[in-house]
Amino acid sequence: MTLEDIKAMTGEIITPAVAAEVLGADPHWLRVAARTKPELLGFPVIVMGSRVKIPRRAFIKYLEG
């Protein structure tokens, strides 16, 4: 998965697994960080119970600086 792949998506939400693949990080780490210290991630997250969602456009903006 690349940034270009994420840009080509039509959905407005991506999963931590997708974001982690682009960032080269562990998806579990992203989930834990989203629940405990979301401000450290640099992009917005939505936590709904045990689920973590990431707004696709905001994630792209974060990666592009």
N, C-alpha and C. Protein backbone atom coordinates (compact mmCIF):
# COMPACT_ATOMS: atom_id res chain seq x y z
N MET A 1 0.85 -1.17 0.00
CA MET A 1 0.00 0.00 0.00
C MET A 1 0.89 1.24 0.00
N THR A 2 0.55 2.20 -0.84
CA THR A 2 1.31 3.44 -0.93
C THR A 2 0.38 4.64 -0.73
N LEU A 3 0.96 5.80 -0.63
CA LEU A 3 0.18 7.02 -0.52
C LEU A 3 -0.72 7.18 -1.75
N GLU A 4 -0.20 6.85 -2.91
CA GLU A 4 -1.00 6.94 -4.13
C GLU A 4 -2.20 6.01 -4.09
N ASP A 5 -2.03 4.83 -3.51
CA ASP A 5 -3.15 3.90 -3.34
C ASP A 5 -4.23 4.50 -2.44
N ILE A 6 -3.81 5.15 -1.37
CA ILE A 6 -4.77 5.77 -0.45
C ILE A 6 -5.49 6.93 -1.14
N LYS A 7 -4.76 7.70 -1.93
CA LYS A 7 -5.39 8.80 -2.67
C LYS A 7 -6.44 8.28 -3.65
N ALA A 8 -6.21 7.11 -4.22
CA ALA A 8 -7.13 6.54 -5.20
C ALA A 8 -8.38 5.93 -4.57
N MET A 9 -8.37 5.72 -3.26
CA MET A 9 -9.53 5.14 -2.58
C MET A 9 -10.71 6.11 -2.64
N THR A 10 -11.92 5.56 -2.56
CA THR A 10 -13.11 6.40 -2.58
C THR A 10 -13.72 6.58 -1.20
N GLY A 11 -13.44 5.68 -0.28
CA GLY A 11 -13.97 5.79 1.08
C GLY A 11 -13.31 6.92 1.84
N GLU A 12 -14.01 7.43 2.82
CA GLU A 12 -13.50 8.55 3.61
C GLU A 12 -12.71 8.11 4.84
N ILE A 13 -12.73 6.83 5.15
CA ILE A 13 -12.08 6.31 6.36
C ILE A 13 -11.10 5.21 5.97
N ILE A 14 -9.93 5.20 6.62
CA ILE A 14 -9.00 4.08 6.48
C ILE A 14 -8.79 3.45 7.85
N THR A 15 -8.26 2.26 7.83
CA THR A 15 -8.02 1.53 9.08
C THR A 15 -6.58 1.74 9.55
N PRO A 16 -6.32 1.46 10.81
CA PRO A 16 -4.94 1.53 11.28
C PRO A 16 -4.00 0.60 10.50
N ALA A 17 -4.52 -0.53 10.00
CA ALA A 17 -3.68 -1.44 9.22
C ALA A 17 -3.21 -0.79 7.94
N VAL A 18 -4.09 -0.06 7.28
CA VAL A 18 -3.73 0.64 6.04
C VAL A 18 -2.73 1.75 6.35
N ALA A 19 -3.02 2.56 7.35
CA ALA A 19 -2.13 3.65 7.72
C ALA A 19 -0.75 3.13 8.14
N ALA A 20 -0.74 2.05 8.90
CA ALA A 20 0.52 1.48 9.38
C ALA A 20 1.38 0.99 8.22
N GLU A 21 0.75 0.44 7.20
CA GLU A 21 1.51 -0.04 6.05
C GLU A 21 2.25 1.11 5.37
N VAL A 22 1.58 2.24 5.22
CA VAL A 22 2.20 3.41 4.58
C VAL A 22 3.28 4.01 5.49
N LEU A 23 3.01 4.04 6.79
CA LEU A 23 3.96 4.63 7.74
C LEU A 23 5.13 3.70 8.09
N GLY A 24 4.99 2.42 7.78
CA GLY A 24 6.01 1.46 8.18
C GLY A 24 5.97 1.21 9.68
N ALA A 25 4.76 1.21 10.22
CA ALA A 25 4.59 1.03 11.67
C ALA A 25 3.74 -0.21 11.94
N ASP A 26 3.61 -0.52 13.20
CA ASP A 26 2.78 -1.65 13.63
C ASP A 26 1.34 -1.16 13.82
N PRO A 27 0.35 -1.79 13.19
CA PRO A 27 -1.03 -1.35 13.34
C PRO A 27 -1.50 -1.35 14.79
N HIS A 28 -1.03 -2.30 15.57
CA HIS A 28 -1.43 -2.36 16.98
C HIS A 28 -0.92 -1.12 17.71
N TRP A 29 0.30 -0.68 17.40
CA TRP A 29 0.85 0.52 18.03
C TRP A 29 -0.02 1.72 17.70
N LEU A 30 -0.47 1.83 16.46
CA LEU A 30 -1.34 2.94 16.08
C LEU A 30 -2.66 2.90 16.86
N ARG A 31 -3.21 1.72 17.02
CA ARG A 31 -4.46 1.59 17.78
C ARG A 31 -4.28 2.01 19.24
N VAL A 32 -3.19 1.55 19.83
CA VAL A 32 -2.90 1.91 21.23
C VAL A 32 -2.68 3.41 21.36
N ALA A 33 -1.89 3.99 20.46
CA ALA A 33 -1.63 5.43 20.51
C ALA A 33 -2.91 6.23 20.31
N ALA A 34 -3.79 5.77 19.42
CA ALA A 34 -5.06 6.47 19.18
C ALA A 34 -5.92 6.50 20.43
N ARG A 35 -5.84 5.45 21.22
CA ARG A 35 -6.66 5.39 22.45
C ARG A 35 -6.03 6.15 23.61
N THR A 36 -4.70 6.15 23.69
CA THR A 36 -4.05 6.71 24.87
C THR A 36 -3.53 8.13 24.68
N LYS A 37 -2.92 8.41 23.54
CA LYS A 37 -2.36 9.75 23.29
C LYS A 37 -2.51 10.13 21.83
N PRO A 38 -3.75 10.34 21.38
CA PRO A 38 -3.98 10.62 19.96
C PRO A 38 -3.29 11.89 19.46
N GLU A 39 -3.02 12.82 20.36
CA GLU A 39 -2.37 14.07 19.95
C GLU A 39 -0.94 13.86 19.46
N LEU A 40 -0.34 12.76 19.82
CA LEU A 40 1.03 12.47 19.38
C LEU A 40 1.11 11.91 17.96
N LEU A 41 -0.01 11.49 17.40
CA LEU A 41 0.01 10.89 16.08
C LEU A 41 0.23 11.91 14.97
N GLY A 42 -0.31 13.10 15.12
CA GLY A 42 -0.15 14.11 14.09
C GLY A 42 -1.30 14.16 13.09
N PHE A 43 -2.19 13.21 13.17
CA PHE A 43 -3.39 13.20 12.33
C PHE A 43 -4.57 12.79 13.19
N PRO A 44 -5.79 13.22 12.82
CA PRO A 44 -6.95 12.91 13.65
C PRO A 44 -7.33 11.44 13.58
N VAL A 45 -7.91 10.97 14.65
CA VAL A 45 -8.41 9.59 14.71
C VAL A 45 -9.80 9.62 15.34
N ILE A 46 -10.58 8.61 15.03
CA ILE A 46 -11.90 8.44 15.62
C ILE A 46 -11.87 7.12 16.37
N VAL A 47 -12.14 7.17 17.66
CA VAL A 47 -12.17 5.96 18.48
C VAL A 47 -13.62 5.70 18.86
N MET A 48 -14.10 4.52 18.46
CA MET A 48 -15.48 4.12 18.78
C MET A 48 -15.41 2.76 19.46
N GLY A 49 -15.44 2.78 20.77
CA GLY A 49 -15.30 1.52 21.52
C GLY A 49 -13.93 0.93 21.27
N SER A 50 -13.89 -0.27 20.70
CA SER A 50 -12.61 -0.91 20.42
C SER A 50 -12.12 -0.63 19.00
N ARG A 51 -12.88 0.13 18.23
CA ARG A 51 -12.52 0.42 16.84
C ARG A 51 -11.82 1.76 16.71
N VAL A 52 -10.83 1.81 15.83
CA VAL A 52 -10.13 3.05 15.52
C VAL A 52 -10.26 3.29 14.03
N LYS A 53 -10.70 4.48 13.68
CA LYS A 53 -10.86 4.88 12.28
C LYS A 53 -10.01 6.12 12.03
N ILE A 54 -9.51 6.26 10.81
CA ILE A 54 -8.68 7.40 10.46
C ILE A 54 -9.28 8.08 9.24
N PRO A 55 -9.59 9.38 9.33
CA PRO A 55 -10.10 10.10 8.17
C PRO A 55 -9.04 10.13 7.06
N ARG A 56 -9.39 9.61 5.90
CA ARG A 56 -8.45 9.44 4.79
C ARG A 56 -7.84 10.76 4.33
N ARG A 57 -8.65 11.78 4.12
CA ARG A 57 -8.13 13.06 3.62
C ARG A 57 -7.17 13.72 4.61
N ALA A 58 -7.49 13.66 5.89
CA ALA A 58 -6.61 14.24 6.91
C ALA A 58 -5.29 13.48 6.97
N PHE A 59 -5.34 12.16 6.79
CA PHE A 59 -4.12 11.36 6.80
C PHE A 59 -3.24 11.72 5.61
N ILE A 60 -3.85 11.91 4.45
CA ILE A 60 -3.09 12.31 3.25
C ILE A 60 -2.45 13.68 3.49
N LYS A 61 -3.22 14.61 4.03
CA LYS A 61 -2.69 15.94 4.32
C LYS A 61 -1.51 15.87 5.27
N TYR A 62 -1.61 15.02 6.29
CA TYR A 62 -0.51 14.83 7.23
C TYR A 62 0.75 14.33 6.52
N LEU A 63 0.58 13.36 5.65
CA LEU A 63 1.74 12.79 4.96
C LEU A 63 2.37 13.75 3.97
N GLU A 64 1.57 14.61 3.39
CA GLU A 64 2.09 15.56 2.41
C GLU A 64 2.66 16.81 3.06
N GLY A 65 2.46 16.92 4.37
CA GLY A 65 3.03 18.05 5.10
C GLY A 65 2.16 19.24 4.98
